[in-house]
Amino acid sequence: MTDIRTAHTSDLTGKELTAIRALMDDAFEGDFSDDDWDHTVGGMHALVREGGELIGHGSLVQRRLLHGGRALRAGYVEAVAVRADRRRQGVASAVMEALERVLRDGAYEVGALGAADEAVPLYEGRGWQRWRGPSSVVSPQGLRRTEEEDGCIYVLPLGAALDLDGALACDWRPGDVW
């Protein structure tokens, strides 16, 4: 039996956090850094368990995105992963459905995420839209272009007026900024 739970980081046990980190390390084949982990915590999590074992995860953290002269309150999706033997069975869709319910509760003006190529069909199939305009980060040195992220950022409009061809900037953080 599959169980889906949403919870804030503060409501997760140490055992649950350890299981999430282990899933991330396995799913990303060792390419999940301490900065990536830091980006994962501090918000809401969607956990999918089967027989008590964690088989899927995603988190939603608040960030600020600058667009059209406004600072938008964004729900930013992080650390979506499914255990290797359970991929392509709807687990990632269940994770996203749970996170999208949180996104749509009225606390956010836009949903956003940085998509790996293999995840694009999942996000597009759920109505997420590719950001076509230039991306940047508001860094300690000022606004800096992030050309390497252009075409990889997806948004879920939730009420804010968006021009998908316009400029979009994220707030600064260590590690991968998007």
N, C-alpha and C. Protein backbone atom coordinates (compact mmCIF):
# COMPACT_ATOMS: atom_id res chain seq x y z
N MET A 1 0.83 -1.18 0.00
CA MET A 1 0.00 0.00 0.00
C MET A 1 0.88 1.25 0.00
N THR A 2 0.52 2.21 -0.84
CA THR A 2 1.26 3.46 -0.94
C THR A 2 0.62 4.51 -0.05
N ASP A 3 1.47 5.23 0.68
CA ASP A 3 1.04 6.28 1.59
C ASP A 3 1.73 7.57 1.18
N ILE A 4 0.95 8.65 1.05
CA ILE A 4 1.51 9.96 0.69
C ILE A 4 1.27 10.90 1.87
N ARG A 5 2.34 11.54 2.30
CA ARG A 5 2.26 12.47 3.44
C ARG A 5 2.92 13.78 3.07
N THR A 6 2.29 14.89 3.45
CA THR A 6 2.94 16.19 3.36
C THR A 6 3.21 16.67 4.77
N ALA A 7 4.38 17.24 4.95
CA ALA A 7 4.77 17.73 6.28
C ALA A 7 5.86 18.78 6.13
N HIS A 8 5.88 19.70 7.06
CA HIS A 8 6.96 20.68 7.12
C HIS A 8 8.21 20.00 7.65
N THR A 9 9.37 20.52 7.27
CA THR A 9 10.63 19.96 7.76
C THR A 9 10.63 19.82 9.27
N SER A 10 10.07 20.79 9.97
CA SER A 10 10.08 20.76 11.44
C SER A 10 9.26 19.60 12.00
N ASP A 11 8.37 19.01 11.19
CA ASP A 11 7.55 17.90 11.64
C ASP A 11 8.13 16.53 11.26
N LEU A 12 9.26 16.53 10.58
CA LEU A 12 9.89 15.27 10.19
C LEU A 12 10.82 14.79 11.29
N THR A 13 10.90 13.50 11.45
CA THR A 13 11.81 12.92 12.44
C THR A 13 13.22 12.84 11.86
N GLY A 14 14.17 12.64 12.72
CA GLY A 14 15.54 12.45 12.27
C GLY A 14 15.66 11.26 11.33
N LYS A 15 14.92 10.20 11.62
CA LYS A 15 14.92 9.00 10.76
C LYS A 15 14.37 9.33 9.37
N GLU A 16 13.30 10.14 9.33
CA GLU A 16 12.73 10.53 8.03
C GLU A 16 13.71 11.39 7.24
N LEU A 17 14.35 12.34 7.90
CA LEU A 17 15.33 13.19 7.22
C LEU A 17 16.50 12.36 6.69
N THR A 18 16.94 11.38 7.47
CA THR A 18 18.02 10.50 7.02
C THR A 18 17.58 9.70 5.80
N ALA A 19 16.35 9.21 5.80
CA ALA A 19 15.83 8.45 4.66
C ALA A 19 15.72 9.33 3.41
N ILE A 20 15.29 10.58 3.59
CA ILE A 20 15.20 11.50 2.45
C ILE A 20 16.58 11.74 1.87
N ARG A 21 17.55 12.03 2.72
CA ARG A 21 18.92 12.28 2.23
C ARG A 21 19.46 11.05 1.51
N ALA A 22 19.23 9.86 2.04
CA ALA A 22 19.70 8.64 1.40
C ALA A 22 19.04 8.45 0.03
N LEU A 23 17.74 8.74 -0.07
CA LEU A 23 17.06 8.66 -1.36
C LEU A 23 17.68 9.63 -2.35
N MET A 24 17.96 10.86 -1.91
CA MET A 24 18.56 11.86 -2.79
C MET A 24 19.94 11.39 -3.27
N ASP A 25 20.76 10.90 -2.34
CA ASP A 25 22.10 10.44 -2.72
C ASP A 25 22.03 9.31 -3.74
N ASP A 26 21.09 8.36 -3.53
CA ASP A 26 20.94 7.26 -4.48
C ASP A 26 20.39 7.74 -5.82
N ALA A 27 19.31 8.51 -5.77
CA ALA A 27 18.64 8.95 -7.01
C ALA A 27 19.53 9.83 -7.87
N PHE A 28 20.34 10.66 -7.22
CA PHE A 28 21.21 11.56 -7.98
C PHE A 28 22.62 10.99 -8.12
N GLU A 29 22.77 9.71 -7.80
CA GLU A 29 24.01 8.96 -8.01
C GLU A 29 25.24 9.68 -7.47
N GLY A 30 25.11 10.17 -6.23
CA GLY A 30 26.23 10.83 -5.57
C GLY A 30 26.43 12.28 -5.95
N ASP A 31 25.57 12.82 -6.81
CA ASP A 31 25.70 14.21 -7.26
C ASP A 31 24.67 15.10 -6.55
N PHE A 32 24.49 14.86 -5.26
CA PHE A 32 23.57 15.65 -4.44
C PHE A 32 24.40 16.21 -3.30
N SER A 33 24.71 17.50 -3.40
CA SER A 33 25.66 18.13 -2.48
C SER A 33 25.01 18.56 -1.16
N ASP A 34 25.83 18.98 -0.23
CA ASP A 34 25.32 19.54 1.02
C ASP A 34 24.51 20.81 0.75
N ASP A 35 24.92 21.60 -0.25
CA ASP A 35 24.12 22.78 -0.63
C ASP A 35 22.76 22.34 -1.16
N ASP A 36 22.73 21.28 -1.98
CA ASP A 36 21.45 20.76 -2.48
C ASP A 36 20.56 20.35 -1.31
N TRP A 37 21.17 19.71 -0.32
CA TRP A 37 20.40 19.30 0.87
C TRP A 37 19.86 20.53 1.59
N ASP A 38 20.67 21.55 1.73
CA ASP A 38 20.23 22.78 2.38
C ASP A 38 19.04 23.39 1.65
N HIS A 39 19.02 23.29 0.32
CA HIS A 39 17.91 23.82 -0.47
C HIS A 39 16.64 22.99 -0.29
N THR A 40 16.80 21.74 0.13
CA THR A 40 15.69 20.79 0.26
C THR A 40 14.86 21.02 1.52
N VAL A 41 15.51 21.47 2.57
CA VAL A 41 14.84 21.58 3.87
C VAL A 41 14.37 23.00 4.15
N GLY A 42 13.45 23.12 5.11
CA GLY A 42 12.95 24.43 5.50
C GLY A 42 11.60 24.77 4.91
N GLY A 43 10.96 23.79 4.31
CA GLY A 43 9.65 24.02 3.72
C GLY A 43 8.79 22.79 3.87
N MET A 44 7.89 22.60 2.92
CA MET A 44 6.99 21.46 2.93
C MET A 44 7.59 20.31 2.11
N HIS A 45 7.32 19.10 2.56
CA HIS A 45 7.80 17.90 1.89
C HIS A 45 6.62 17.02 1.52
N ALA A 46 6.73 16.37 0.38
CA ALA A 46 5.81 15.30 0.00
C ALA A 46 6.60 14.01 0.04
N LEU A 47 6.17 13.08 0.86
CA LEU A 47 6.84 11.80 1.01
C LEU A 47 5.91 10.69 0.57
N VAL A 48 6.40 9.81 -0.28
CA VAL A 48 5.62 8.66 -0.72
C VAL A 48 6.30 7.42 -0.15
N ARG A 49 5.52 6.65 0.59
CA ARG A 49 6.04 5.42 1.20
C ARG A 49 5.25 4.24 0.68
N GLU A 50 5.94 3.13 0.60
CA GLU A 50 5.29 1.86 0.29
C GLU A 50 5.82 0.84 1.27
N GLY A 51 4.92 0.21 2.00
CA GLY A 51 5.34 -0.74 3.01
C GLY A 51 6.27 -0.13 4.04
N GLY A 52 6.07 1.16 4.33
CA GLY A 52 6.90 1.84 5.31
C GLY A 52 8.22 2.37 4.78
N GLU A 53 8.57 2.04 3.54
CA GLU A 53 9.84 2.50 2.95
C GLU A 53 9.61 3.71 2.06
N LEU A 54 10.49 4.69 2.17
CA LEU A 54 10.41 5.89 1.34
C LEU A 54 10.77 5.54 -0.10
N ILE A 55 9.83 5.81 -1.02
CA ILE A 55 10.10 5.53 -2.44
C ILE A 55 10.06 6.80 -3.30
N GLY A 56 9.56 7.91 -2.74
CA GLY A 56 9.51 9.16 -3.49
C GLY A 56 9.49 10.36 -2.57
N HIS A 57 10.00 11.47 -3.07
CA HIS A 57 10.09 12.70 -2.27
C HIS A 57 10.15 13.92 -3.18
N GLY A 58 9.67 15.01 -2.66
CA GLY A 58 9.85 16.33 -3.25
C GLY A 58 9.62 17.35 -2.15
N SER A 59 10.22 18.52 -2.29
CA SER A 59 9.98 19.56 -1.29
C SER A 59 9.64 20.88 -1.99
N LEU A 60 9.04 21.75 -1.21
CA LEU A 60 8.60 23.05 -1.69
C LEU A 60 9.08 24.09 -0.70
N VAL A 61 9.94 25.00 -1.15
CA VAL A 61 10.48 26.03 -0.28
C VAL A 61 10.11 27.41 -0.84
N GLN A 62 10.02 28.39 0.03
CA GLN A 62 9.70 29.73 -0.43
C GLN A 62 10.95 30.43 -0.93
N ARG A 63 10.81 31.10 -2.06
CA ARG A 63 11.88 31.93 -2.61
C ARG A 63 11.26 33.20 -3.17
N ARG A 64 12.11 34.15 -3.49
CA ARG A 64 11.67 35.37 -4.17
C ARG A 64 12.20 35.35 -5.59
N LEU A 65 11.32 35.58 -6.54
CA LEU A 65 11.69 35.73 -7.94
C LEU A 65 11.35 37.13 -8.37
N LEU A 66 12.23 37.75 -9.13
CA LEU A 66 11.98 39.09 -9.65
C LEU A 66 11.54 38.99 -11.09
N HIS A 67 10.40 39.63 -11.38
CA HIS A 67 9.87 39.61 -12.74
C HIS A 67 8.94 40.80 -12.94
N GLY A 68 9.10 41.48 -14.04
CA GLY A 68 8.20 42.58 -14.37
C GLY A 68 8.19 43.68 -13.33
N GLY A 69 9.34 43.92 -12.69
CA GLY A 69 9.43 44.98 -11.69
C GLY A 69 8.85 44.60 -10.34
N ARG A 70 8.55 43.32 -10.14
CA ARG A 70 7.96 42.87 -8.88
C ARG A 70 8.77 41.73 -8.28
N ALA A 71 8.77 41.67 -6.96
CA ALA A 71 9.31 40.52 -6.23
C ALA A 71 8.14 39.58 -5.97
N LEU A 72 8.18 38.42 -6.59
CA LEU A 72 7.09 37.46 -6.47
C LEU A 72 7.40 36.43 -5.38
N ARG A 73 6.40 36.09 -4.61
CA ARG A 73 6.51 35.03 -3.60
C ARG A 73 6.33 33.70 -4.34
N ALA A 74 7.42 32.96 -4.43
CA ALA A 74 7.40 31.73 -5.22
C ALA A 74 7.53 30.51 -4.34
N GLY A 75 6.78 29.49 -4.68
CA GLY A 75 6.97 28.16 -4.12
C GLY A 75 7.90 27.43 -5.06
N TYR A 76 9.11 27.12 -4.60
CA TYR A 76 10.14 26.54 -5.46
C TYR A 76 10.28 25.05 -5.15
N VAL A 77 10.12 24.23 -6.17
CA VAL A 77 10.18 22.78 -6.01
C VAL A 77 11.63 22.32 -6.02
N GLU A 78 11.97 21.49 -5.04
CA GLU A 78 13.32 20.96 -4.89
C GLU A 78 13.28 19.45 -4.66
N ALA A 79 14.36 18.79 -4.97
CA ALA A 79 14.64 17.42 -4.55
C ALA A 79 13.52 16.44 -4.87
N VAL A 80 13.04 16.48 -6.10
CA VAL A 80 12.07 15.47 -6.54
C VAL A 80 12.86 14.25 -6.97
N ALA A 81 12.58 13.13 -6.33
CA ALA A 81 13.30 11.89 -6.65
C ALA A 81 12.42 10.69 -6.33
N VAL A 82 12.64 9.63 -7.10
CA VAL A 82 11.92 8.37 -6.92
C VAL A 82 12.96 7.26 -6.89
N ARG A 83 12.76 6.32 -5.98
CA ARG A 83 13.66 5.17 -5.91
C ARG A 83 13.71 4.49 -7.28
N ALA A 84 14.89 4.05 -7.68
CA ALA A 84 15.13 3.54 -9.04
C ALA A 84 14.14 2.45 -9.45
N ASP A 85 13.82 1.54 -8.56
CA ASP A 85 12.94 0.42 -8.93
C ASP A 85 11.46 0.80 -8.98
N ARG A 86 11.12 2.05 -8.66
CA ARG A 86 9.73 2.51 -8.67
C ARG A 86 9.48 3.63 -9.67
N ARG A 87 10.46 3.93 -10.51
CA ARG A 87 10.29 4.99 -11.51
C ARG A 87 9.33 4.56 -12.61
N ARG A 88 8.69 5.56 -13.21
CA ARG A 88 7.73 5.37 -14.30
C ARG A 88 6.49 4.59 -13.85
N GLN A 89 6.14 4.77 -12.57
CA GLN A 89 4.96 4.09 -12.02
C GLN A 89 4.01 5.09 -11.34
N GLY A 90 4.18 6.39 -11.61
CA GLY A 90 3.28 7.40 -11.07
C GLY A 90 3.70 7.99 -9.74
N VAL A 91 4.84 7.58 -9.20
CA VAL A 91 5.27 8.10 -7.90
C VAL A 91 5.61 9.59 -7.99
N ALA A 92 6.36 9.98 -9.02
CA ALA A 92 6.71 11.39 -9.17
C ALA A 92 5.47 12.25 -9.38
N SER A 93 4.49 11.72 -10.11
CA SER A 93 3.23 12.45 -10.29
C SER A 93 2.52 12.64 -8.96
N ALA A 94 2.55 11.62 -8.11
CA ALA A 94 1.93 11.73 -6.78
C ALA A 94 2.64 12.78 -5.94
N VAL A 95 3.97 12.81 -6.02
CA VAL A 95 4.74 13.83 -5.31
C VAL A 95 4.35 15.22 -5.79
N MET A 96 4.31 15.39 -7.12
CA MET A 96 3.98 16.71 -7.66
C MET A 96 2.55 17.11 -7.34
N GLU A 97 1.63 16.18 -7.37
CA GLU A 97 0.24 16.49 -7.03
C GLU A 97 0.15 17.02 -5.60
N ALA A 98 0.86 16.39 -4.68
CA ALA A 98 0.85 16.85 -3.29
C ALA A 98 1.47 18.24 -3.15
N LEU A 99 2.59 18.47 -3.84
CA LEU A 99 3.24 19.78 -3.76
C LEU A 99 2.39 20.86 -4.43
N GLU A 100 1.73 20.52 -5.53
CA GLU A 100 0.89 21.49 -6.23
C GLU A 100 -0.32 21.87 -5.39
N ARG A 101 -0.83 20.96 -4.57
CA ARG A 101 -1.92 21.32 -3.64
C ARG A 101 -1.45 22.41 -2.69
N VAL A 102 -0.23 22.28 -2.19
CA VAL A 102 0.33 23.30 -1.29
C VAL A 102 0.52 24.61 -2.06
N LEU A 103 1.04 24.52 -3.27
CA LEU A 103 1.24 25.72 -4.09
C LEU A 103 -0.06 26.49 -4.29
N ARG A 104 -1.13 25.76 -4.50
CA ARG A 104 -2.40 26.40 -4.84
C ARG A 104 -3.19 26.87 -3.62
N ASP A 105 -2.63 26.74 -2.42
CA ASP A 105 -3.39 27.12 -1.23
C ASP A 105 -3.48 28.63 -1.03
N GLY A 106 -2.87 29.41 -1.92
CA GLY A 106 -2.98 30.85 -1.86
C GLY A 106 -1.77 31.56 -1.28
N ALA A 107 -0.79 30.83 -0.79
CA ALA A 107 0.39 31.45 -0.18
C ALA A 107 1.40 31.92 -1.21
N TYR A 108 1.31 31.43 -2.45
CA TYR A 108 2.32 31.73 -3.46
C TYR A 108 1.69 32.39 -4.69
N GLU A 109 2.50 33.22 -5.35
CA GLU A 109 2.06 33.87 -6.57
C GLU A 109 2.46 33.10 -7.82
N VAL A 110 3.46 32.23 -7.66
CA VAL A 110 3.94 31.43 -8.78
C VAL A 110 4.67 30.20 -8.23
N GLY A 111 4.60 29.12 -8.94
CA GLY A 111 5.43 27.96 -8.65
C GLY A 111 6.61 27.99 -9.61
N ALA A 112 7.75 27.48 -9.20
CA ALA A 112 8.93 27.47 -10.08
C ALA A 112 9.80 26.26 -9.74
N LEU A 113 10.60 25.86 -10.71
CA LEU A 113 11.54 24.77 -10.52
C LEU A 113 12.56 24.78 -11.64
N GLY A 114 13.69 24.15 -11.38
CA GLY A 114 14.70 23.91 -12.40
C GLY A 114 14.59 22.46 -12.80
N ALA A 115 14.33 22.18 -14.08
CA ALA A 115 14.03 20.82 -14.54
C ALA A 115 15.22 20.16 -15.21
N ALA A 116 15.51 18.94 -14.78
CA ALA A 116 16.45 18.09 -15.51
C ALA A 116 15.74 17.62 -16.78
N ASP A 117 16.50 17.39 -17.83
CA ASP A 117 15.92 17.01 -19.12
C ASP A 117 14.94 15.85 -19.02
N GLU A 118 15.31 14.82 -18.25
CA GLU A 118 14.45 13.64 -18.16
C GLU A 118 13.15 13.90 -17.43
N ALA A 119 13.05 14.99 -16.67
CA ALA A 119 11.84 15.31 -15.93
C ALA A 119 10.90 16.24 -16.68
N VAL A 120 11.34 16.81 -17.79
CA VAL A 120 10.53 17.78 -18.53
C VAL A 120 9.15 17.21 -18.91
N PRO A 121 9.04 15.98 -19.43
CA PRO A 121 7.70 15.47 -19.76
C PRO A 121 6.75 15.43 -18.57
N LEU A 122 7.27 15.09 -17.39
CA LEU A 122 6.44 15.08 -16.18
C LEU A 122 5.88 16.47 -15.92
N TYR A 123 6.75 17.47 -15.89
CA TYR A 123 6.31 18.82 -15.55
C TYR A 123 5.39 19.41 -16.61
N GLU A 124 5.77 19.26 -17.88
CA GLU A 124 4.92 19.80 -18.94
C GLU A 124 3.55 19.12 -18.95
N GLY A 125 3.53 17.82 -18.68
CA GLY A 125 2.27 17.09 -18.63
C GLY A 125 1.36 17.54 -17.50
N ARG A 126 1.93 18.19 -16.51
CA ARG A 126 1.16 18.68 -15.37
C ARG A 126 0.81 20.17 -15.51
N GLY A 127 1.17 20.77 -16.65
CA GLY A 127 0.81 22.17 -16.90
C GLY A 127 1.88 23.18 -16.55
N TRP A 128 3.06 22.73 -16.14
CA TRP A 128 4.16 23.66 -15.91
C TRP A 128 4.63 24.18 -17.26
N GLN A 129 5.05 25.44 -17.28
CA GLN A 129 5.44 26.08 -18.54
C GLN A 129 6.91 26.48 -18.51
N ARG A 130 7.59 26.20 -19.63
CA ARG A 130 9.01 26.55 -19.73
C ARG A 130 9.16 28.06 -19.82
N TRP A 131 10.09 28.60 -19.01
CA TRP A 131 10.41 30.01 -19.06
C TRP A 131 11.31 30.23 -20.27
N ARG A 132 10.88 31.09 -21.19
CA ARG A 132 11.61 31.29 -22.45
C ARG A 132 12.57 32.48 -22.39
N GLY A 133 12.35 33.37 -21.43
CA GLY A 133 13.17 34.58 -21.34
C GLY A 133 14.49 34.33 -20.63
N PRO A 134 15.30 35.38 -20.52
CA PRO A 134 16.61 35.25 -19.87
C PRO A 134 16.48 35.10 -18.35
N SER A 135 17.38 34.31 -17.79
CA SER A 135 17.39 34.09 -16.35
C SER A 135 18.63 34.74 -15.73
N SER A 136 18.47 35.13 -14.47
CA SER A 136 19.56 35.77 -13.72
C SER A 136 19.41 35.42 -12.25
N VAL A 137 20.42 35.84 -11.49
CA VAL A 137 20.37 35.72 -10.04
C VAL A 137 20.75 37.07 -9.45
N VAL A 138 20.11 37.45 -8.37
CA VAL A 138 20.48 38.65 -7.63
C VAL A 138 21.59 38.21 -6.67
N SER A 139 22.83 38.34 -7.10
CA SER A 139 23.99 37.87 -6.35
C SER A 139 24.52 38.97 -5.44
N PRO A 140 25.43 38.63 -4.54
CA PRO A 140 26.04 39.67 -3.70
C PRO A 140 26.75 40.75 -4.52
N GLN A 141 27.13 40.42 -5.76
CA GLN A 141 27.79 41.38 -6.64
C GLN A 141 26.79 42.09 -7.57
N GLY A 142 25.52 41.85 -7.39
CA GLY A 142 24.50 42.45 -8.24
C GLY A 142 23.87 41.42 -9.16
N LEU A 143 23.06 41.90 -10.08
CA LEU A 143 22.36 41.02 -11.01
C LEU A 143 23.36 40.34 -11.94
N ARG A 144 23.31 39.00 -11.99
CA ARG A 144 24.23 38.23 -12.83
C ARG A 144 23.43 37.24 -13.66
N ARG A 145 23.68 37.24 -14.96
CA ARG A 145 22.98 36.31 -15.87
C ARG A 145 23.35 34.87 -15.55
N THR A 146 22.38 33.99 -15.74
CA THR A 146 22.59 32.55 -15.56
C THR A 146 22.20 31.85 -16.87
N GLU A 147 22.94 32.15 -17.92
CA GLU A 147 22.62 31.63 -19.25
C GLU A 147 22.51 30.11 -19.28
N GLU A 148 23.33 29.43 -18.47
CA GLU A 148 23.32 27.98 -18.45
C GLU A 148 21.98 27.41 -17.98
N GLU A 149 21.16 28.23 -17.34
CA GLU A 149 19.84 27.79 -16.86
C GLU A 149 18.71 28.15 -17.81
N ASP A 150 19.00 28.99 -18.80
CA ASP A 150 17.96 29.37 -19.76
C ASP A 150 17.39 28.12 -20.41
N GLY A 151 16.07 28.03 -20.43
CA GLY A 151 15.39 26.89 -21.02
C GLY A 151 15.15 25.74 -20.05
N CYS A 152 15.71 25.81 -18.85
CA CYS A 152 15.57 24.74 -17.85
C CYS A 152 14.62 25.12 -16.72
N ILE A 153 14.17 26.35 -16.70
CA ILE A 153 13.30 26.84 -15.62
C ILE A 153 11.85 26.71 -16.07
N TYR A 154 11.05 26.17 -15.16
CA TYR A 154 9.62 26.00 -15.42
C TYR A 154 8.83 26.71 -14.34
N VAL A 155 7.67 27.24 -14.74
CA VAL A 155 6.81 27.94 -13.80
C VAL A 155 5.39 27.39 -13.88
N LEU A 156 4.70 27.51 -12.77
CA LEU A 156 3.28 27.19 -12.69
C LEU A 156 2.59 28.49 -12.29
N PRO A 157 1.93 29.15 -13.25
CA PRO A 157 1.27 30.42 -12.93
C PRO A 157 0.16 30.21 -11.90
N LEU A 158 0.14 31.09 -10.90
CA LEU A 158 -0.85 30.97 -9.82
C LEU A 158 -1.56 32.30 -9.56
N GLY A 159 -1.48 33.21 -10.47
CA GLY A 159 -2.16 34.49 -10.26
C GLY A 159 -1.33 35.69 -10.64
N ALA A 160 -0.02 35.60 -10.51
CA ALA A 160 0.84 36.72 -10.90
C ALA A 160 0.86 36.84 -12.42
N ALA A 161 0.86 38.05 -12.91
CA ALA A 161 0.99 38.27 -14.35
C ALA A 161 2.42 37.91 -14.77
N LEU A 162 2.54 36.98 -15.71
CA LEU A 162 3.85 36.52 -16.16
C LEU A 162 3.99 36.69 -17.66
N ASP A 163 5.15 37.15 -18.08
CA ASP A 163 5.54 37.19 -19.49
C ASP A 163 6.66 36.17 -19.63
N LEU A 164 6.34 34.99 -20.16
CA LEU A 164 7.31 33.89 -20.23
C LEU A 164 8.53 34.22 -21.08
N ASP A 165 8.46 35.30 -21.84
CA ASP A 165 9.61 35.75 -22.65
C ASP A 165 10.40 36.85 -21.95
N GLY A 166 9.92 37.30 -20.80
CA GLY A 166 10.58 38.37 -20.07
C GLY A 166 11.73 37.85 -19.21
N ALA A 167 12.38 38.79 -18.54
CA ALA A 167 13.50 38.44 -17.65
C ALA A 167 12.97 37.90 -16.32
N LEU A 168 13.70 36.93 -15.77
CA LEU A 168 13.36 36.33 -14.48
C LEU A 168 14.64 36.19 -13.68
N ALA A 169 14.60 36.63 -12.44
CA ALA A 169 15.78 36.52 -11.56
C ALA A 169 15.36 35.87 -10.25
N CYS A 170 16.25 35.05 -9.72
CA CYS A 170 16.00 34.39 -8.44
C CYS A 170 16.86 35.04 -7.36
N ASP A 171 16.48 34.78 -6.11
CA ASP A 171 17.28 35.24 -4.99
C ASP A 171 18.54 34.40 -4.87
N TRP A 172 19.56 34.95 -4.19
CA TRP A 172 20.86 34.30 -4.05
C TRP A 172 20.81 33.19 -3.02
N ARG A 173 21.58 32.15 -3.26
CA ARG A 173 21.82 31.09 -2.28
C ARG A 173 23.10 30.37 -2.67
N PRO A 174 23.75 29.72 -1.72
CA PRO A 174 24.97 28.97 -2.04
C PRO A 174 24.64 27.78 -2.94
N GLY A 175 25.61 27.31 -3.71
CA GLY A 175 25.42 26.17 -4.59
C GLY A 175 24.68 26.60 -5.84
N ASP A 176 23.91 25.66 -6.40
CA ASP A 176 23.12 25.98 -7.59
C ASP A 176 22.05 26.99 -7.23
N VAL A 177 22.04 28.12 -7.94
CA VAL A 177 21.09 29.18 -7.59
C VAL A 177 19.68 28.87 -8.10
N TRP A 178 19.56 28.11 -9.18
CA TRP A 178 18.25 27.73 -9.68
C TRP A 178 17.96 26.30 -9.33
